[in-house]
N, C-alpha and C. Protein backbone atom coordinates (compact mmCIF):
# COMPACT_ATOMS: atom_id res chain seq x y z
N UNK A 1 0.98 -0.75 0.19
CA UNK A 1 0.04 -0.12 0.00
C UNK A 1 0.77 1.17 0.31
N UNK A 2 0.76 1.79 -1.25
CA UNK A 2 1.65 3.00 -1.19
C UNK A 2 0.75 4.67 -0.83
N UNK A 3 1.03 5.45 0.21
CA UNK A 3 0.15 6.37 0.57
C UNK A 3 1.15 7.93 0.31
N UNK A 4 0.40 8.45 -0.59
CA UNK A 4 0.98 9.81 -1.21
C UNK A 4 -0.03 11.06 -0.94
N UNK A 5 0.69 11.95 -0.79
CA UNK A 5 -0.14 13.07 -0.31
C UNK A 5 0.38 14.61 -0.84
N UNK A 6 1.10 14.72 -1.80
CA UNK A 6 0.88 16.24 -2.29
C UNK A 6 1.45 16.97 -1.42
N UNK A 7 0.99 18.15 -1.79
CA UNK A 7 1.79 19.46 -1.19
C UNK A 7 0.87 19.91 -0.63
N UNK A 8 1.04 21.27 0.12
CA UNK A 8 0.06 22.02 0.46
C UNK A 8 -1.35 21.98 0.14
N UNK A 9 -2.09 22.98 -0.51
CA UNK A 9 -3.38 22.68 0.07
C UNK A 9 -3.75 20.97 -0.59
N UNK A 10 -3.36 20.67 -1.46
CA UNK A 10 -3.63 18.99 -1.91
C UNK A 10 -3.71 17.95 -1.08
N UNK A 11 -2.42 18.48 0.11
CA UNK A 11 -2.02 17.48 0.95
C UNK A 11 -2.94 17.73 2.31
N UNK A 12 -3.89 18.59 2.58
CA UNK A 12 -4.56 18.61 3.32
C UNK A 12 -6.21 17.51 2.93
N UNK A 13 -6.18 17.45 1.76
CA UNK A 13 -7.15 16.70 1.33
C UNK A 13 -7.24 15.26 0.79
N UNK A 14 -5.75 14.75 0.70
CA UNK A 14 -5.72 13.59 -0.17
C UNK A 14 -5.85 12.32 0.44
N UNK A 15 -5.47 12.27 1.74
CA UNK A 15 -5.30 11.31 2.61
C UNK A 15 -6.40 10.84 3.74
N UNK A 16 -7.33 10.07 3.54
CA UNK A 16 -8.09 10.14 4.80
C UNK A 16 -8.08 8.35 5.35
N UNK A 17 -7.62 8.97 6.67
CA UNK A 17 -7.16 7.90 7.77
C UNK A 17 -8.31 6.88 7.19
N UNK A 18 -9.50 6.99 7.62
CA UNK A 18 -10.65 5.88 7.68
C UNK A 18 -10.49 5.24 6.62
N UNK A 19 -10.00 5.67 5.33
CA UNK A 19 -10.09 5.23 3.74
C UNK A 19 -8.87 4.40 3.97
N UNK A 20 -7.84 4.57 4.39
CA UNK A 20 -6.65 3.67 4.23
C UNK A 20 -7.02 2.67 5.35
N UNK A 21 -7.73 2.74 6.50
CA UNK A 21 -7.42 1.50 7.20
C UNK A 21 -8.48 0.68 6.95
N UNK A 22 -9.64 1.26 6.30
CA UNK A 22 -10.34 0.48 5.48
C UNK A 22 -10.23 -0.77 4.68
N UNK A 23 -9.53 -0.09 3.84
CA UNK A 23 -8.26 -0.64 2.82
C UNK A 23 -7.89 -2.08 3.28
N UNK A 24 -6.89 -1.26 4.38
CA UNK A 24 -5.97 -2.11 5.12
C UNK A 24 -6.62 -3.58 5.68
N UNK A 25 -7.50 -3.13 6.30
CA UNK A 25 -7.81 -3.93 7.19
C UNK A 25 -8.96 -5.07 5.82
N UNK A 26 -9.00 -4.55 4.97
CA UNK A 26 -9.76 -5.62 3.89
C UNK A 26 -8.78 -6.57 3.66
N UNK A 27 -7.63 -5.89 3.56
CA UNK A 27 -6.35 -6.97 2.79
C UNK A 27 -6.43 -7.93 3.76
N UNK A 28 -5.52 -7.23 4.84
CA UNK A 28 -5.35 -7.84 6.17
C UNK A 28 -6.05 -9.24 6.34
N UNK A 29 -7.80 -8.85 6.58
CA UNK A 29 -8.38 -9.66 7.06
C UNK A 29 -8.68 -10.79 5.80
N UNK A 30 -8.04 -10.76 4.40
CA UNK A 30 -8.42 -11.33 3.34
C UNK A 30 -6.94 -12.42 3.47
N UNK A 31 -6.30 -12.48 4.74
CA UNK A 31 -5.06 -12.64 4.40
C UNK A 31 -3.63 -12.53 3.77
N UNK A 32 -3.84 -11.26 3.59
CA UNK A 32 -2.80 -10.90 2.57
C UNK A 32 -1.47 -10.09 3.55
N UNK A 33 -0.49 -10.52 3.46
CA UNK A 33 0.82 -9.08 4.19
C UNK A 33 0.75 -8.23 3.70
N UNK A 34 0.49 -6.75 4.52
CA UNK A 34 0.34 -5.37 3.79
C UNK A 34 1.63 -4.90 4.15
N UNK A 35 2.46 -4.47 3.45
CA UNK A 35 3.50 -3.73 3.61
C UNK A 35 3.03 -2.17 3.21
N UNK A 36 2.98 -0.93 3.96
CA UNK A 36 2.69 0.68 3.90
C UNK A 36 3.66 1.18 3.76
N UNK A 37 3.84 2.18 2.64
CA UNK A 37 4.61 3.18 2.01
C UNK A 37 4.57 4.12 2.02
N UNK A 38 5.39 5.08 2.00
CA UNK A 38 5.13 6.62 1.60
C UNK A 38 6.15 7.35 0.96
N UNK A 39 6.08 8.55 0.44
CA UNK A 39 7.38 9.05 -0.02
C UNK A 39 8.72 9.44 1.01
N UNK A 40 8.39 9.98 2.49
CA UNK A 40 9.21 10.39 3.28
C UNK A 40 9.09 9.24 4.25
N UNK A 41 8.26 8.06 4.32
CA UNK A 41 8.56 7.18 5.18
C UNK A 41 8.05 7.57 6.57
N UNK A 42 8.07 7.18 7.75
CA UNK A 42 7.67 7.88 8.72
C UNK A 42 6.02 7.51 8.73
N UNK A 43 5.64 8.56 9.69
CA UNK A 43 4.14 9.14 9.65
C UNK A 43 3.44 9.85 8.59
N UNK A 44 2.63 9.42 7.58
CA UNK A 44 2.32 9.79 6.69
C UNK A 44 0.97 11.01 6.69
N UNK A 45 0.80 12.15 6.20
CA UNK A 45 0.27 13.13 6.63
C UNK A 45 -1.07 12.77 6.12
N UNK A 46 -2.08 12.56 7.04
CA UNK A 46 -3.25 12.27 6.94
C UNK A 46 -4.39 13.51 7.11
N UNK A 47 -5.44 13.46 6.14
CA UNK A 47 -6.13 15.03 6.09
C UNK A 47 -7.22 14.85 7.59
N UNK A 48 -6.93 15.74 8.06
CA UNK A 48 -7.78 15.78 9.62
C UNK A 48 -6.80 15.12 10.59
N UNK A 49 -7.79 14.94 11.91
CA UNK A 49 -7.15 14.56 13.19
C UNK A 49 -7.63 12.88 12.87
N UNK A 50 -6.61 12.19 13.57
CA UNK A 50 -6.86 10.52 13.77
C UNK A 50 -8.27 10.50 14.36
N UNK A 51 -8.07 11.61 15.36
CA UNK A 51 -9.50 11.67 15.76
C UNK A 51 -10.75 10.48 15.60
N UNK A 52 -11.42 10.71 13.95
CA UNK A 52 -11.86 10.33 13.70
C UNK A 52 -11.74 8.82 13.71
N UNK A 53 -10.66 8.15 13.65
CA UNK A 53 -10.27 6.86 13.68
C UNK A 53 -11.28 6.19 14.92
N UNK A 54 -11.33 6.59 15.57
CA UNK A 54 -12.34 6.47 16.90
C UNK A 54 -13.65 6.02 16.81
N UNK A 55 -13.72 6.06 15.94
CA UNK A 55 -15.51 5.83 15.32
C UNK A 55 -15.54 4.39 15.48
N UNK A 56 -16.86 4.11 15.85
CA UNK A 56 -17.01 2.48 16.47
C UNK A 56 -17.33 1.82 15.00
N UNK A 57 -16.42 2.06 13.88
CA UNK A 57 -16.67 0.88 12.64
C UNK A 57 -15.71 -0.10 12.81
N UNK A 58 -16.20 -1.41 12.24
CA UNK A 58 -15.73 -2.56 12.05
C UNK A 58 -14.15 -2.47 12.19
N UNK A 59 -13.85 -1.69 10.97
CA UNK A 59 -12.37 -1.76 10.27
C UNK A 59 -11.50 -0.48 11.59
N UNK A 60 -12.28 -0.04 12.32
CA UNK A 60 -11.40 1.11 13.33
C UNK A 60 -11.11 0.19 14.48
N UNK A 61 -12.51 -0.82 15.07
CA UNK A 61 -12.00 -1.49 15.94
C UNK A 61 -11.07 -2.19 15.41
N UNK A 62 -10.96 -3.02 14.77
CA UNK A 62 -10.00 -4.03 14.84
C UNK A 62 -8.90 -3.47 14.10
N UNK A 63 -8.47 -2.18 13.68
CA UNK A 63 -6.97 -1.46 13.77
C UNK A 63 -7.12 -0.81 14.96
N UNK A 64 -7.58 -0.61 15.98
CA UNK A 64 -7.40 -0.31 17.44
C UNK A 64 -6.89 -1.23 17.95
N UNK A 65 -7.40 -2.62 18.04
CA UNK A 65 -6.83 -3.68 18.64
C UNK A 65 -5.65 -4.56 17.92
N UNK A 66 -5.44 -3.98 16.89
CA UNK A 66 -3.95 -4.36 16.34
C UNK A 66 -2.64 -3.89 16.67
N UNK A 67 -1.52 -3.88 17.25
CA UNK A 67 -0.87 -3.39 16.98
C UNK A 67 0.17 -3.45 16.02
N UNK A 68 0.60 -4.38 15.80
CA UNK A 68 1.28 -4.23 14.19
C UNK A 68 0.42 -3.25 12.90
N UNK A 69 -0.90 -3.31 12.94
CA UNK A 69 -1.36 -2.49 11.86
C UNK A 69 -1.04 -0.63 12.53
N UNK A 70 -0.96 -1.10 14.01
CA UNK A 70 -1.09 1.06 14.38
C UNK A 70 0.42 0.85 13.68
N UNK A 71 1.31 0.16 14.22
CA UNK A 71 2.88 0.46 13.76
C UNK A 71 3.20 0.59 12.53
N UNK A 72 2.45 -0.27 11.59
CA UNK A 72 2.68 -0.10 10.28
C UNK A 72 2.37 1.42 9.47
N UNK A 73 1.22 1.89 10.09
CA UNK A 73 1.03 2.99 9.79
C UNK A 73 1.20 4.54 9.89
N UNK A 74 2.27 3.72 11.30
CA UNK A 74 2.61 5.33 11.91
C UNK A 74 3.91 5.20 11.38
N UNK A 75 4.66 4.09 11.09
CA UNK A 75 6.02 3.87 10.89
C UNK A 75 6.10 3.24 9.22
N UNK A 76 5.61 3.89 8.22
CA UNK A 76 5.74 3.41 7.18
C UNK A 76 7.16 3.64 6.33
N UNK A 77 7.27 2.40 5.40
CA UNK A 77 8.89 2.23 4.53
C UNK A 77 8.66 3.41 3.79
N UNK A 78 9.93 3.78 3.40
CA UNK A 78 10.29 4.98 2.20
C UNK A 78 10.04 4.38 0.68
N UNK A 79 9.40 4.82 0.00
CA UNK A 79 9.18 4.31 -1.34
C UNK A 79 10.80 3.72 -2.24
N UNK A 80 11.87 4.16 -2.00
CA UNK A 80 12.97 3.51 -2.06
C UNK A 80 13.19 2.43 -1.42
N UNK A 81 12.48 2.02 -0.15
CA UNK A 81 12.76 0.90 0.58
C UNK A 81 11.94 -0.51 -0.47
N UNK A 82 10.76 -0.23 -1.14
CA UNK A 82 10.32 -1.01 -1.66
C UNK A 82 10.74 -1.55 -3.17
N UNK A 83 10.66 -2.69 -3.46
CA UNK A 83 11.28 -3.34 -4.39
C UNK A 83 10.17 -4.34 -5.11
N UNK A 84 9.99 -3.89 -6.43
CA UNK A 84 8.42 -4.62 -7.32
C UNK A 84 8.49 -6.24 -7.30
N UNK A 85 9.76 -6.34 -7.31
CA UNK A 85 10.03 -8.40 -7.01
C UNK A 85 9.22 -8.47 -5.56
N UNK A 86 9.26 -8.34 -5.11
CA UNK A 86 8.87 -8.99 -4.05
C UNK A 86 7.04 -8.53 -3.26
N UNK A 87 6.79 -7.85 -4.68
CA UNK A 87 5.29 -7.55 -4.10
C UNK A 87 4.27 -8.22 -5.19
N UNK A 88 2.87 -8.65 -5.12
CA UNK A 88 2.33 -9.48 -5.51
C UNK A 88 1.01 -8.35 -6.23
N UNK A 89 0.91 -7.07 -5.93
CA UNK A 89 0.33 -5.94 -6.45
C UNK A 89 0.46 -5.01 -5.40
N UNK A 90 -0.15 -3.67 -5.71
CA UNK A 90 0.20 -2.25 -4.89
C UNK A 90 -1.40 -1.17 -5.16
N UNK A 91 -1.76 -0.86 -4.19
CA UNK A 91 -2.88 -0.02 -4.07
C UNK A 91 -2.31 1.15 -3.54
N UNK A 92 -2.41 2.72 -4.11
CA UNK A 92 -1.73 3.76 -3.75
C UNK A 92 -3.14 4.30 -3.57
N UNK A 93 -2.89 5.32 -2.46
CA UNK A 93 -3.93 6.47 -2.29
C UNK A 93 -3.28 7.44 -2.00
N UNK A 94 -3.87 8.54 -2.41
CA UNK A 94 -3.78 9.50 -2.13
C UNK A 94 -3.31 10.71 -3.84
N UNK A 95 -2.52 11.75 -3.20
CA UNK A 95 -2.12 12.56 -4.75
C UNK A 95 -1.03 12.10 -5.36
N UNK A 96 -1.27 11.77 -7.00
CA UNK A 96 0.19 11.35 -7.80
C UNK A 96 -0.21 12.52 -8.83
N UNK A 97 0.82 13.37 -8.48
CA UNK A 97 0.95 14.38 -9.15
C UNK A 97 2.02 15.06 -9.76
N UNK A 98 2.40 16.01 -10.90
CA UNK A 98 3.93 16.42 -10.88
C UNK A 98 3.94 17.74 -10.81
N UNK A 99 3.52 17.99 -9.34
CA UNK A 99 3.92 19.88 -9.19
C UNK A 99 5.13 19.55 -8.49
N UNK A 100 5.84 21.25 -9.04
CA UNK A 100 6.76 21.29 -8.48
C UNK A 100 7.49 21.01 -7.18
N UNK A 101 6.74 20.85 -6.27
CA UNK A 101 7.54 20.32 -4.76
C UNK A 101 7.17 19.30 -4.90
N UNK A 102 6.70 18.57 -5.56
CA UNK A 102 6.43 16.88 -5.24
C UNK A 102 7.25 16.06 -6.36
N UNK A 103 7.97 16.55 -7.19
CA UNK A 103 8.24 16.20 -8.24
C UNK A 103 9.06 14.59 -8.21
N UNK A 104 10.16 14.60 -7.00
CA UNK A 104 10.68 13.48 -7.00
C UNK A 104 10.11 12.45 -6.30
N UNK A 105 9.20 12.87 -5.39
CA UNK A 105 8.23 11.78 -4.77
C UNK A 105 7.11 11.57 -5.82
N UNK A 106 6.75 11.95 -6.69
CA UNK A 106 6.00 11.56 -7.70
C UNK A 106 6.60 10.62 -9.04
N UNK A 107 8.07 10.92 -9.21
CA UNK A 107 8.34 10.10 -9.76
C UNK A 107 8.74 9.03 -9.26
N UNK A 108 9.20 9.14 -8.00
CA UNK A 108 9.53 7.31 -7.14
C UNK A 108 8.01 6.59 -7.20
N UNK A 109 7.12 7.35 -6.59
CA UNK A 109 5.61 6.63 -6.60
C UNK A 109 5.37 5.85 -8.38
N UNK A 110 5.49 6.85 -9.39
CA UNK A 110 5.49 6.11 -10.85
C UNK A 110 6.31 5.47 -11.20
N UNK A 111 7.46 5.19 -10.93
CA UNK A 111 8.47 4.33 -11.13
C UNK A 111 8.00 2.94 -10.62
N UNK A 112 7.86 3.46 -9.31
CA UNK A 112 7.58 1.57 -8.27
C UNK A 112 6.51 1.41 -9.63
N UNK A 113 5.37 1.81 -9.62
CA UNK A 113 4.13 1.23 -10.24
C UNK A 113 3.60 0.76 -11.32
N UNK A 114 4.40 1.43 -12.34
CA UNK A 114 5.53 1.05 -13.49
C UNK A 114 6.22 -0.56 -13.85
N UNK A 115 6.94 -0.34 -12.59
CA UNK A 115 7.65 -1.55 -12.37
C UNK A 115 6.68 -2.87 -12.33
N UNK A 116 5.51 -2.75 -11.30
CA UNK A 116 4.55 -3.32 -10.76
C UNK A 116 3.79 -3.95 -12.06
N UNK A 117 3.17 -2.95 -12.74
CA UNK A 117 2.22 -3.17 -13.68
C UNK A 117 3.34 -4.12 -15.02
N UNK A 118 4.62 -3.39 -15.31
CA UNK A 118 5.12 -4.22 -16.18
C UNK A 118 5.65 -5.15 -16.09
N UNK A 119 5.61 -6.34 -14.98
CA UNK A 119 5.67 -7.32 -14.46
C UNK A 119 4.56 -8.03 -14.15
N UNK A 120 3.28 -7.43 -14.68
CA UNK A 120 2.18 -8.27 -15.44
C UNK A 120 1.49 -7.81 -13.65
N UNK A 121 1.88 -7.53 -12.87
CA UNK A 121 1.12 -7.40 -11.18
C UNK A 121 0.15 -6.18 -11.01
N UNK A 122 -1.06 -6.51 -10.77
CA UNK A 122 -2.20 -5.55 -10.64
C UNK A 122 -1.94 -4.42 -9.98
N UNK A 123 -2.34 -3.03 -9.90
CA UNK A 123 -1.92 -1.83 -9.26
C UNK A 123 -3.19 -0.96 -9.15
N UNK A 124 -3.98 -0.30 -8.39
CA UNK A 124 -5.11 0.23 -8.09
C UNK A 124 -4.42 1.52 -7.80
N UNK A 125 -4.69 2.60 -8.66
CA UNK A 125 -4.51 3.79 -7.78
C UNK A 125 -5.82 4.56 -7.39
N UNK A 126 -6.22 5.23 -6.60
CA UNK A 126 -6.91 6.09 -5.70
C UNK A 126 -6.57 7.46 -5.72
N UNK A 127 -7.23 8.02 -6.51
CA UNK A 127 -6.94 9.64 -6.32
C UNK A 127 -7.80 10.03 -6.81
N UNK A 128 -7.82 11.61 -6.52
CA UNK A 128 -9.18 12.37 -7.24
C UNK A 128 -8.56 13.05 -8.43
N UNK A 129 -7.40 12.94 -8.12
CA UNK A 129 -6.40 13.97 -9.52
C UNK A 129 -5.77 13.11 -9.62
N UNK A 130 -5.43 11.87 -10.84
CA UNK A 130 -4.85 11.17 -11.59
C UNK A 130 -4.07 11.92 -12.18
N UNK A 131 -2.83 11.39 -12.00
CA UNK A 131 -2.07 12.26 -13.57
C UNK A 131 -1.15 11.09 -13.72
N UNK A 132 -1.67 10.24 -14.23
CA UNK A 132 -0.74 8.28 -14.38
C UNK A 132 -0.96 7.98 -15.95
N UNK A 133 0.28 8.01 -16.70
CA UNK A 133 -0.15 7.45 -17.66
C UNK A 133 0.67 5.99 -18.32
N UNK A 134 0.79 4.64 -17.62
CA UNK A 134 1.33 4.07 -17.74
C UNK A 134 1.69 3.46 -19.56
N UNK A 135 2.83 3.45 -19.79
CA UNK A 135 2.78 2.59 -21.61
C UNK A 135 2.34 1.50 -21.14
N UNK A 136 1.94 0.99 -22.36
CA UNK A 136 1.65 -0.50 -22.70
C UNK A 136 0.30 -0.88 -22.55
N UNK A 137 -0.28 -2.24 -22.97
CA UNK A 137 -1.30 -2.53 -22.16
C UNK A 137 -1.48 -3.18 -21.25
N UNK A 138 -1.91 -2.97 -20.49
CA UNK A 138 -2.29 -3.39 -18.85
C UNK A 138 -3.57 -3.51 -18.89
N UNK A 139 -4.36 -3.73 -19.58
CA UNK A 139 -5.69 -4.71 -19.60
C UNK A 139 -5.90 -5.36 -18.18
N UNK A 140 -6.78 -4.99 -17.36
CA UNK A 140 -7.36 -5.76 -16.48
C UNK A 140 -6.18 -5.71 -14.86
N UNK A 141 -5.12 -4.85 -15.04
CA UNK A 141 -3.96 -4.84 -14.39
C UNK A 141 -4.16 -3.47 -13.70
N UNK A 142 -4.70 -2.30 -14.01
CA UNK A 142 -4.54 -1.21 -13.56
C UNK A 142 -6.10 -0.58 -13.15
N UNK A 143 -6.12 -0.41 -12.23
CA UNK A 143 -7.78 -0.08 -11.21
C UNK A 143 -7.37 0.98 -10.87
N UNK A 144 -8.26 2.04 -11.36
CA UNK A 144 -8.01 3.29 -10.67
C UNK A 144 -9.93 4.00 -10.34
N UNK A 145 -9.86 5.01 -9.29
CA UNK A 145 -11.39 5.32 -8.85
C UNK A 145 -10.95 6.53 -8.15
N UNK A 146 -12.08 7.37 -7.64
CA UNK A 146 -11.87 8.65 -7.14
C UNK A 146 -12.98 8.44 -6.15
N UNK A 147 -13.92 7.91 -5.69
CA UNK A 147 -15.16 8.30 -5.06
C UNK A 147 -14.95 7.88 -3.76
N UNK A 148 -15.63 8.77 -2.82
CA UNK A 148 -14.92 8.28 -1.18
C UNK A 148 -14.54 6.85 -0.94
N UNK A 149 -15.62 5.97 -1.64
CA UNK A 149 -15.18 4.34 -1.00
C UNK A 149 -14.33 3.78 -2.12
N UNK A 150 -13.22 4.19 -3.11
CA UNK A 150 -12.31 4.08 -3.78
C UNK A 150 -11.43 3.28 -3.25
N UNK A 151 -11.16 3.56 -2.23
CA UNK A 151 -9.86 2.56 -1.31
C UNK A 151 -10.37 1.12 -0.81
N UNK A 152 -11.72 1.20 -0.57
CA UNK A 152 -11.99 -0.27 -0.09
C UNK A 152 -12.46 -1.07 -1.21
N UNK A 153 -12.89 -0.21 -2.49
CA UNK A 153 -13.70 -1.24 -3.61
C UNK A 153 -12.20 -1.40 -4.28
N UNK A 154 -10.79 -0.56 -4.12
CA UNK A 154 -9.54 -1.11 -4.90
C UNK A 154 -8.93 -2.32 -4.11
N UNK A 155 -9.24 -2.42 -2.91
CA UNK A 155 -8.66 -3.46 -1.88
C UNK A 155 -9.87 -4.24 -3.06
N UNK A 156 -10.93 -4.47 -2.54
CA UNK A 156 -11.40 -5.55 -3.69
C UNK A 156 -11.29 -6.25 -4.70
N UNK A 157 -10.66 -5.19 -5.49
CA UNK A 157 -10.73 -5.17 -7.00
C UNK A 157 -8.98 -5.82 -7.00
N UNK A 158 -8.48 -5.51 -6.09
CA UNK A 158 -7.02 -6.21 -6.39
C UNK A 158 -6.99 -7.64 -5.77
N UNK A 159 -7.86 -7.46 -4.17
CA UNK A 159 -8.07 -8.98 -4.03
C UNK A 159 -8.64 -10.18 -5.53
N UNK A 160 -9.46 -9.73 -5.71
CA UNK A 160 -10.37 -10.47 -7.01
C UNK A 160 -9.54 -10.47 -8.11
N UNK A 161 -8.39 -9.28 -8.57
CA UNK A 161 -7.22 -10.25 -9.42
C UNK A 161 -6.70 -10.72 -9.41
N UNK A 162 -5.83 -10.38 -7.76
CA UNK A 162 -5.13 -11.79 -7.42
C UNK A 162 -5.65 -13.09 -7.80
N UNK A 163 -6.64 -12.74 -7.50
CA UNK A 163 -8.10 -14.49 -7.11
C UNK A 163 -7.92 -15.04 -8.48
N UNK A 164 -7.94 -14.44 -9.80
CA UNK A 164 -8.34 -14.76 -10.97
C UNK A 164 -7.23 -15.59 -11.87
N UNK A 165 -7.95 -16.66 -12.29
CA UNK A 165 -6.71 -17.45 -13.30
C UNK A 165 -5.68 -16.38 -13.89
N UNK A 166 -4.85 -17.15 -14.50
CA UNK A 166 -3.58 -16.52 -14.98
C UNK A 166 -3.77 -16.82 -16.07
N UNK A 167 -3.89 -16.06 -17.87
CA UNK A 167 -3.93 -16.86 -18.67
C UNK A 167 -2.19 -17.48 -18.97
N UNK A 168 -2.13 -18.28 -20.01
CA UNK A 168 -0.77 -18.81 -19.92
C UNK A 168 0.25 -17.76 -20.42
N UNK A 169 0.04 -16.99 -21.03
CA UNK A 169 0.82 -15.65 -21.56
C UNK A 169 1.27 -15.21 -20.09
N UNK A 170 0.29 -15.59 -19.22
CA UNK A 170 0.90 -14.39 -17.99
C UNK A 170 1.55 -15.77 -16.66
N UNK A 171 2.03 -16.67 -17.21
CA UNK A 171 2.61 -17.80 -16.25
C UNK A 171 4.17 -17.37 -16.11
């Protein structure tokens, strides 16, 4: 799971803690090992306060009782620590843009996502402002969305893509 936030005004509206937690819990509950990365590593900048995470939703309750999940979100890996060959899929949540202040971070995220797609691995990008145009044919591998429930829908789509039988050309 890649968390991107952009800068300035965009950072304040790009990452919702509750949306990230819901997607994380869906993947975790399905038996997936979830690794979380962000451009700078550490604690990603979430929109609003984490107070919202104390709502009594099932994902929030599950998250609050899971120390490993809390640690993973509070201390994310840097994008440079992620090697595409070690992963089966990715979900990128947040703003992926070529804003002058974010060029290096956007390029690192783009590079990682392109490498996963080139390896035939599904990628979901959840952003209100998608600026990602991979080259080549990635039919069925690139999943995009921008709705409020997009992170959890992306998690479900990634799980479905991973469960789908592969064509002989994908073996």
